Each structure stands twice: as structure tokens, then as C-alpha cells.
Amino acid sequence: MGAVREHLPGRPHWRCRACGAHWPCQPAKLSLRREYRGHTLALVFYLAISLREAVDDTARLGRTPDLAALTDRFMSWVSSPRAPAEKG
């Protein structure tokens, strides 16, 4: 039986090492949701740090980072934690 490959970012291009899709790929998103369940703020911090590293890597490769596209790719799929309903 083959080894299970984790969907981790391959730097400096930020493609998934397992499937080659832009990271975070769909399997990585599912894994991160499980890993950070109940800790959305920690997930947001992790993704923000990864986003910054992706921007820096893109610039080091001599390309102009598309900040809007990278921000969307790294952050848009994370749902914010729901605030408790106010009692009235």
C-alpha cells in the first residue's frame, strides 16, 4: 500500500506537493479545517503568515505578487467564528 501524501505547500511556487494545485488546495483546506476546528483565529494567523511568505517568495522569484488574488486564495475560504447571539 502506498504512503499517504500530505497536501503541503511546495515553496517558492506555493503549489501543493501532493497534487500540484495552488496551495491551499481543496484537500489541504479540509485538513486545515479539521486541524484547527474550534480555533479559527489560530487558522487565520497561520494562513496570514503563509500568505506573507507566498508574497515574499513571489517577489524573490522576480515577479510582482498579485496581492488581491493571493489574499483571496489564502483567506477567502475561512469562515469567521460566529458571535454568540445577544440575549434580549
N, C-alpha and C. Protein backbone atom coordinates (compact mmCIF):
# COMPACT_ATOMS: atom_id res chain seq x y z
N MET A 1 0.85 -1.17 0.00
CA MET A 1 0.00 0.00 0.00
C MET A 1 0.90 1.24 0.00
N GLY A 2 0.58 2.24 -0.82
CA GLY A 2 1.38 3.45 -0.91
C GLY A 2 1.19 4.36 0.29
N ALA A 3 2.20 5.18 0.51
CA ALA A 3 2.14 6.13 1.62
C ALA A 3 1.15 7.25 1.29
N VAL A 4 0.46 7.72 2.32
CA VAL A 4 -0.46 8.84 2.15
C VAL A 4 0.38 10.11 2.07
N ARG A 5 0.14 10.91 1.06
CA ARG A 5 0.90 12.14 0.89
C ARG A 5 0.10 13.31 1.43
N GLU A 6 0.72 14.09 2.28
CA GLU A 6 0.06 15.27 2.82
C GLU A 6 0.06 16.38 1.78
N HIS A 7 -0.97 17.16 1.81
CA HIS A 7 -1.12 18.28 0.88
C HIS A 7 -0.49 19.53 1.50
N LEU A 8 0.83 19.61 1.37
CA LEU A 8 1.62 20.69 1.95
C LEU A 8 2.12 21.62 0.85
N PRO A 9 2.41 22.88 1.21
CA PRO A 9 2.88 23.82 0.19
C PRO A 9 4.31 23.52 -0.23
N GLY A 10 4.53 23.59 -1.54
CA GLY A 10 5.87 23.49 -2.09
C GLY A 10 6.35 24.90 -2.41
N ARG A 11 7.37 25.29 -1.71
CA ARG A 11 7.88 26.64 -1.91
C ARG A 11 9.02 26.61 -2.91
N PRO A 12 9.24 27.66 -3.65
CA PRO A 12 8.70 29.01 -3.55
C PRO A 12 7.46 29.27 -4.41
N HIS A 13 6.99 28.24 -5.12
CA HIS A 13 5.87 28.48 -6.05
C HIS A 13 4.50 28.31 -5.40
N TRP A 14 4.45 27.78 -4.20
CA TRP A 14 3.22 27.60 -3.44
C TRP A 14 2.20 26.74 -4.20
N ARG A 15 2.72 25.62 -4.70
CA ARG A 15 1.90 24.57 -5.28
C ARG A 15 1.91 23.39 -4.31
N CYS A 16 0.82 22.66 -4.28
CA CYS A 16 0.72 21.51 -3.39
C CYS A 16 1.73 20.45 -3.80
N ARG A 17 2.44 19.91 -2.82
CA ARG A 17 3.43 18.86 -3.10
C ARG A 17 2.78 17.55 -3.52
N ALA A 18 1.53 17.34 -3.11
CA ALA A 18 0.85 16.07 -3.41
C ALA A 18 0.12 16.11 -4.74
N CYS A 19 -0.62 17.20 -5.01
CA CYS A 19 -1.48 17.21 -6.20
C CYS A 19 -1.10 18.28 -7.23
N GLY A 20 -0.22 19.20 -6.88
CA GLY A 20 0.24 20.21 -7.83
C GLY A 20 -0.66 21.42 -7.98
N ALA A 21 -1.80 21.43 -7.30
CA ALA A 21 -2.72 22.58 -7.39
C ALA A 21 -2.15 23.74 -6.57
N HIS A 22 -2.69 24.93 -6.82
CA HIS A 22 -2.32 26.06 -5.98
C HIS A 22 -2.64 25.72 -4.53
N TRP A 23 -1.68 26.00 -3.64
CA TRP A 23 -1.90 25.74 -2.23
C TRP A 23 -2.47 26.98 -1.57
N PRO A 24 -3.46 26.89 -0.67
CA PRO A 24 -4.02 25.65 -0.17
C PRO A 24 -5.02 25.05 -1.16
N CYS A 25 -4.77 23.80 -1.53
CA CYS A 25 -5.67 23.07 -2.42
C CYS A 25 -6.88 22.60 -1.60
N GLN A 26 -7.85 22.03 -2.27
CA GLN A 26 -9.06 21.60 -1.57
C GLN A 26 -8.77 20.58 -0.46
N PRO A 27 -7.94 19.55 -0.71
CA PRO A 27 -7.64 18.61 0.39
C PRO A 27 -6.91 19.30 1.55
N ALA A 28 -6.05 20.25 1.26
CA ALA A 28 -5.36 20.98 2.33
C ALA A 28 -6.35 21.79 3.15
N LYS A 29 -7.31 22.42 2.49
CA LYS A 29 -8.32 23.20 3.20
C LYS A 29 -9.11 22.31 4.14
N LEU A 30 -9.50 21.13 3.68
CA LEU A 30 -10.24 20.20 4.53
C LEU A 30 -9.40 19.77 5.73
N SER A 31 -8.14 19.48 5.48
CA SER A 31 -7.24 19.06 6.55
C SER A 31 -7.03 20.19 7.56
N LEU A 32 -6.85 21.41 7.06
CA LEU A 32 -6.66 22.56 7.95
C LEU A 32 -7.92 22.83 8.78
N ARG A 33 -9.08 22.68 8.16
CA ARG A 33 -10.33 22.87 8.91
C ARG A 33 -10.42 21.87 10.07
N ARG A 34 -10.04 20.63 9.81
CA ARG A 34 -10.05 19.61 10.87
C ARG A 34 -9.02 19.94 11.95
N GLU A 35 -7.82 20.26 11.52
CA GLU A 35 -6.73 20.53 12.46
C GLU A 35 -7.03 21.72 13.36
N TYR A 36 -7.66 22.76 12.80
CA TYR A 36 -7.91 23.99 13.55
C TYR A 36 -9.37 24.12 14.00
N ARG A 37 -10.11 23.02 14.02
CA ARG A 37 -11.52 23.06 14.44
C ARG A 37 -11.63 23.70 15.82
N GLY A 38 -12.48 24.72 15.89
CA GLY A 38 -12.67 25.43 17.16
C GLY A 38 -11.64 26.50 17.42
N HIS A 39 -10.69 26.66 16.51
CA HIS A 39 -9.61 27.63 16.68
C HIS A 39 -9.43 28.44 15.40
N THR A 40 -10.50 29.04 14.95
CA THR A 40 -10.49 29.77 13.68
C THR A 40 -9.46 30.89 13.67
N LEU A 41 -9.32 31.59 14.78
CA LEU A 41 -8.36 32.69 14.83
C LEU A 41 -6.94 32.19 14.62
N ALA A 42 -6.60 31.05 15.20
CA ALA A 42 -5.28 30.46 15.00
C ALA A 42 -5.08 30.09 13.53
N LEU A 43 -6.11 29.56 12.88
CA LEU A 43 -6.04 29.24 11.46
C LEU A 43 -5.81 30.50 10.64
N VAL A 44 -6.50 31.56 10.96
CA VAL A 44 -6.33 32.82 10.24
C VAL A 44 -4.90 33.33 10.40
N PHE A 45 -4.35 33.25 11.60
CA PHE A 45 -2.96 33.67 11.81
C PHE A 45 -2.00 32.82 10.97
N TYR A 46 -2.20 31.51 10.98
CA TYR A 46 -1.35 30.61 10.20
C TYR A 46 -1.41 30.96 8.71
N LEU A 47 -2.62 31.16 8.21
CA LEU A 47 -2.78 31.49 6.80
C LEU A 47 -2.22 32.86 6.46
N ALA A 48 -2.34 33.82 7.38
CA ALA A 48 -1.78 35.16 7.15
C ALA A 48 -0.26 35.09 7.05
N ILE A 49 0.36 34.29 7.90
CA ILE A 49 1.81 34.12 7.84
C ILE A 49 2.20 33.44 6.53
N SER A 50 1.44 32.41 6.14
CA SER A 50 1.71 31.71 4.88
C SER A 50 1.53 32.65 3.69
N LEU A 51 0.51 33.49 3.74
CA LEU A 51 0.27 34.47 2.68
C LEU A 51 1.46 35.41 2.56
N ARG A 52 1.94 35.90 3.67
CA ARG A 52 3.09 36.82 3.65
C ARG A 52 4.31 36.12 3.05
N GLU A 53 4.53 34.87 3.40
CA GLU A 53 5.65 34.12 2.85
C GLU A 53 5.48 33.91 1.35
N ALA A 54 4.25 33.67 0.90
CA ALA A 54 3.99 33.50 -0.53
C ALA A 54 4.26 34.80 -1.29
N VAL A 55 3.87 35.92 -0.71
CA VAL A 55 4.14 37.23 -1.33
C VAL A 55 5.65 37.43 -1.44
N ASP A 56 6.37 37.17 -0.35
CA ASP A 56 7.83 37.33 -0.36
C ASP A 56 8.49 36.39 -1.37
N ASP A 57 8.05 35.13 -1.41
CA ASP A 57 8.62 34.17 -2.37
C ASP A 57 8.38 34.61 -3.81
N THR A 58 7.17 35.10 -4.08
CA THR A 58 6.85 35.57 -5.44
C THR A 58 7.76 36.71 -5.84
N ALA A 59 7.98 37.65 -4.92
CA ALA A 59 8.86 38.78 -5.20
C ALA A 59 10.30 38.30 -5.41
N ARG A 60 10.76 37.33 -4.60
CA ARG A 60 12.11 36.80 -4.76
C ARG A 60 12.31 36.12 -6.11
N LEU A 61 11.22 35.60 -6.66
CA LEU A 61 11.29 34.96 -7.99
C LEU A 61 11.29 36.00 -9.12
N GLY A 62 11.23 37.29 -8.74
CA GLY A 62 11.27 38.35 -9.74
C GLY A 62 9.92 38.69 -10.33
N ARG A 63 8.86 38.22 -9.71
CA ARG A 63 7.51 38.50 -10.21
C ARG A 63 6.82 39.47 -9.26
N THR A 64 5.87 40.21 -9.78
CA THR A 64 5.06 41.11 -8.95
C THR A 64 3.91 40.30 -8.38
N PRO A 65 3.83 40.21 -7.04
CA PRO A 65 2.73 39.44 -6.44
C PRO A 65 1.38 40.10 -6.71
N ASP A 66 0.39 39.30 -7.06
CA ASP A 66 -0.98 39.78 -7.19
C ASP A 66 -1.61 39.66 -5.81
N LEU A 67 -1.54 40.74 -5.05
CA LEU A 67 -1.97 40.70 -3.65
C LEU A 67 -3.43 40.33 -3.49
N ALA A 68 -4.28 40.84 -4.36
CA ALA A 68 -5.71 40.52 -4.26
C ALA A 68 -5.95 39.03 -4.51
N ALA A 69 -5.33 38.49 -5.53
CA ALA A 69 -5.53 37.07 -5.86
C ALA A 69 -4.96 36.17 -4.76
N LEU A 70 -3.78 36.51 -4.25
CA LEU A 70 -3.19 35.70 -3.19
C LEU A 70 -4.01 35.78 -1.91
N THR A 71 -4.47 36.96 -1.58
CA THR A 71 -5.29 37.12 -0.38
C THR A 71 -6.57 36.30 -0.51
N ASP A 72 -7.20 36.36 -1.68
CA ASP A 72 -8.41 35.58 -1.91
C ASP A 72 -8.12 34.09 -1.78
N ARG A 73 -7.03 33.65 -2.39
CA ARG A 73 -6.68 32.24 -2.38
C ARG A 73 -6.40 31.72 -0.97
N PHE A 74 -5.71 32.50 -0.16
CA PHE A 74 -5.33 32.04 1.17
C PHE A 74 -6.42 32.26 2.22
N MET A 75 -7.22 33.30 2.08
CA MET A 75 -8.08 33.71 3.18
C MET A 75 -9.58 33.56 2.94
N SER A 76 -10.05 33.61 1.71
CA SER A 76 -11.49 33.73 1.44
C SER A 76 -12.29 32.52 1.89
N TRP A 77 -11.70 31.37 1.98
CA TRP A 77 -12.42 30.15 2.30
C TRP A 77 -12.61 29.93 3.81
N VAL A 78 -11.95 30.74 4.62
CA VAL A 78 -12.06 30.57 6.07
C VAL A 78 -13.27 31.34 6.55
N SER A 79 -14.19 30.64 7.19
CA SER A 79 -15.37 31.32 7.71
C SER A 79 -15.05 31.88 9.08
N SER A 80 -15.59 33.04 9.34
CA SER A 80 -15.34 33.67 10.63
C SER A 80 -16.15 32.95 11.70
N PRO A 81 -15.63 32.94 12.92
CA PRO A 81 -16.39 32.31 14.00
C PRO A 81 -17.66 33.10 14.25
N ARG A 82 -18.72 32.42 14.56
CA ARG A 82 -20.00 33.09 14.80
C ARG A 82 -20.01 33.68 16.20
N ALA A 83 -20.43 34.93 16.26
CA ALA A 83 -20.57 35.58 17.56
C ALA A 83 -21.80 35.02 18.25
N PRO A 84 -21.75 34.88 19.56
CA PRO A 84 -22.94 34.39 20.25
C PRO A 84 -24.10 35.37 20.10
N ALA A 85 -25.28 34.85 19.96
CA ALA A 85 -26.48 35.70 19.80
C ALA A 85 -26.70 36.48 21.09
N GLU A 86 -27.06 37.73 20.92
CA GLU A 86 -27.36 38.57 22.09
C GLU A 86 -28.69 38.16 22.69
N LYS A 87 -28.72 38.16 23.99
CA LYS A 87 -29.97 37.84 24.69
C LYS A 87 -30.73 39.13 24.90
N GLY A 88 -31.99 39.13 24.63
CA GLY A 88 -32.73 40.38 24.71
C GLY A 88 -33.89 40.34 25.54
